[in-house]
Protein backbone atom coordinates (compact mmCIF):
# COMPACT_ATOMS: atom_id res chain seq x y z
CA MET A 1 111.82 45.14 257.90
CA HIS A 2 111.66 47.47 254.90
CA ALA A 3 109.96 46.69 251.61
CA PHE A 4 110.52 48.41 248.28
CA HIS A 5 108.89 48.78 244.88
CA ALA A 6 111.17 48.97 241.86
CA TYR A 7 109.76 50.16 238.53
CA ILE A 8 112.02 49.17 235.65
CA ASP A 9 112.02 50.30 232.01
CA GLU A 10 114.48 50.36 229.15
CA SER A 11 115.21 52.67 226.25
CA GLY A 12 116.93 51.94 222.98
CA ASP A 13 117.30 48.57 221.33
CA GLU A 14 119.70 45.67 221.54
CA GLY A 15 120.85 45.73 217.92
CA PHE A 16 124.43 46.35 216.81
CA ILE A 17 123.81 47.62 213.26
CA PHE A 18 124.79 51.29 212.99
CA LYS A 19 124.39 53.76 210.14
CA ASP A 20 125.15 57.43 209.91
CA PRO A 21 122.21 59.90 209.94
CA PRO A 22 119.83 60.38 208.27
CA GLU A 23 119.60 56.61 207.80
CA ARG A 24 118.05 54.71 210.68
CA ALA A 25 119.34 51.54 212.27
CA SER A 26 120.12 50.44 215.81
CA SER A 27 120.21 53.06 218.54
CA GLU A 28 123.69 53.94 219.73
CA TRP A 29 122.71 53.58 223.38
CA PHE A 30 120.83 50.96 225.38
CA VAL A 31 119.67 52.16 228.81
CA ILE A 32 117.85 50.33 231.56
CA SER A 33 116.61 52.31 234.57
CA ALA A 34 114.68 51.85 237.78
CA CYS A 35 112.79 54.04 240.21
CA VAL A 36 112.93 52.56 243.71
CA VAL A 37 110.36 53.59 246.32
CA ARG A 38 109.97 52.44 249.91
CA ALA A 39 106.62 50.67 250.30
CA VAL A 40 105.58 52.90 253.23
CA ASN A 41 106.01 55.99 250.99
CA MET A 42 104.21 54.51 248.00
CA PRO A 43 100.58 55.60 248.70
CA ALA A 44 101.50 59.28 249.19
CA ILE A 45 103.89 59.35 246.24
CA ALA A 46 101.38 57.59 243.95
CA ARG A 47 98.64 60.06 244.90
CA GLN A 48 100.87 63.06 244.23
CA ILE A 49 102.12 61.69 240.92
CA HIS A 50 98.57 60.89 239.77
CA GLU A 51 97.52 64.46 240.60
CA THR A 52 100.28 65.71 238.30
CA LEU A 53 99.43 63.18 235.59
CA ASP A 54 95.77 64.21 235.71
CA GLN A 55 96.84 67.77 234.88
CA ILE A 56 98.76 66.70 231.74
CA GLU A 57 96.25 64.29 230.24
CA VAL A 58 95.78 64.61 226.50
CA ASN A 59 92.33 63.55 225.24
CA LYS A 60 91.74 61.61 228.49
CA ARG A 61 94.89 59.54 227.91
CA ILE A 62 98.37 59.95 229.26
CA ALA A 63 100.60 61.01 226.39
CA HIS A 64 104.04 59.53 225.87
CA PHE A 65 106.62 61.70 227.61
CA SER A 66 108.45 62.50 224.37
CA ARG A 67 105.22 63.90 222.89
CA LEU A 68 104.35 66.16 225.81
CA PRO A 69 104.79 69.91 225.50
CA HIS A 70 107.85 71.31 227.26
CA GLU A 71 105.83 72.78 230.16
CA ALA A 72 104.23 69.37 230.90
CA LYS A 73 107.65 67.66 230.82
CA VAL A 74 109.00 70.20 233.31
CA ALA A 75 105.97 69.77 235.59
CA PHE A 76 106.29 66.01 235.58
CA ALA A 77 110.08 66.08 236.12
CA ASP A 78 109.63 68.51 239.03
CA CYS A 79 106.96 66.26 240.51
CA ILE A 80 109.14 63.15 240.33
CA GLY A 81 112.28 64.99 241.42
CA SER A 82 110.68 66.28 244.60
CA LYS A 83 109.70 62.80 245.84
CA SER A 84 111.60 60.37 248.01
CA ILE A 85 112.54 58.17 245.05
CA LYS A 86 115.90 56.65 244.21
CA THR A 87 116.73 56.34 240.53
CA ILE A 88 119.30 54.10 238.91
CA SER A 89 120.33 54.01 235.25
CA ILE A 90 122.70 51.61 233.55
CA CYS A 91 123.80 53.03 230.19
CA ALA A 92 125.69 51.18 227.47
CA ASN A 93 127.16 52.82 224.39
CA LYS A 94 126.81 49.96 221.92
CA ARG A 95 129.27 51.41 219.39
CA VAL A 96 131.99 51.19 222.02
CA LEU A 97 130.88 47.72 223.14
CA GLN A 98 130.86 46.51 219.56
CA THR A 99 134.64 46.71 219.33
CA THR A 100 135.23 44.27 222.20
CA TYR A 101 132.04 42.42 223.16
CA THR A 102 130.03 41.85 219.99
CA HIS A 103 130.70 38.12 220.03
CA THR A 104 128.90 37.80 223.40
CA LEU A 105 126.61 40.81 223.87
CA GLY A 106 125.35 40.71 220.29
CA SER A 107 123.50 37.46 220.94
CA LYS A 108 119.74 37.57 221.48
CA ARG A 109 118.76 39.23 224.79
CA ARG A 110 122.35 39.02 226.05
CA LEU A 111 122.86 42.80 226.40
CA TYR A 112 119.47 43.19 228.10
CA PHE A 113 120.24 40.51 230.70
CA TYR A 114 123.80 41.79 231.21
CA LEU A 115 122.65 45.32 232.02
CA THR A 116 119.69 44.04 234.05
CA ARG A 117 122.13 42.17 236.27
CA TYR A 118 123.91 45.43 237.10
CA LEU A 119 120.60 47.20 237.67
CA LEU A 120 119.33 44.54 240.08
CA GLU A 121 122.65 44.58 241.91
CA ARG A 122 122.31 48.31 242.51
CA ILE A 123 118.68 47.93 243.59
CA SER A 124 119.88 45.37 246.14
CA TRP A 125 122.41 47.94 247.42
CA ILE A 126 119.53 50.34 248.16
CA ALA A 127 117.71 47.60 250.08
CA ARG A 128 120.90 46.66 251.94
CA ASP A 129 121.58 50.24 252.95
CA TYR A 130 118.15 50.46 254.61
């Protein structure tokens, strides 16, 4: 039997209040993503990723990806991209959703759970295919 690790994170916010730049309000996109790794591959992948992370430490702390210099971003993306990792992203353009689904997806945590359902479904497809 195969076992997997899924690392999940989201980007954006769940709000549906939009303003034109330069004003700030809700993000236009909400994205939830996962990296899925087979458990047997995890020790080797973790070691290799930590070696890369050690090289891009800033003041003995890992910097947020968006604040890394371009060269560090490329090094980290190359490191992740060369591993046996499956990635899944579910992306929702909230401006488009607002025209048809605001009455349901605008409720508290509703968009998050809706997209998470799709993400988990696709993670289960990876497990099924193994």
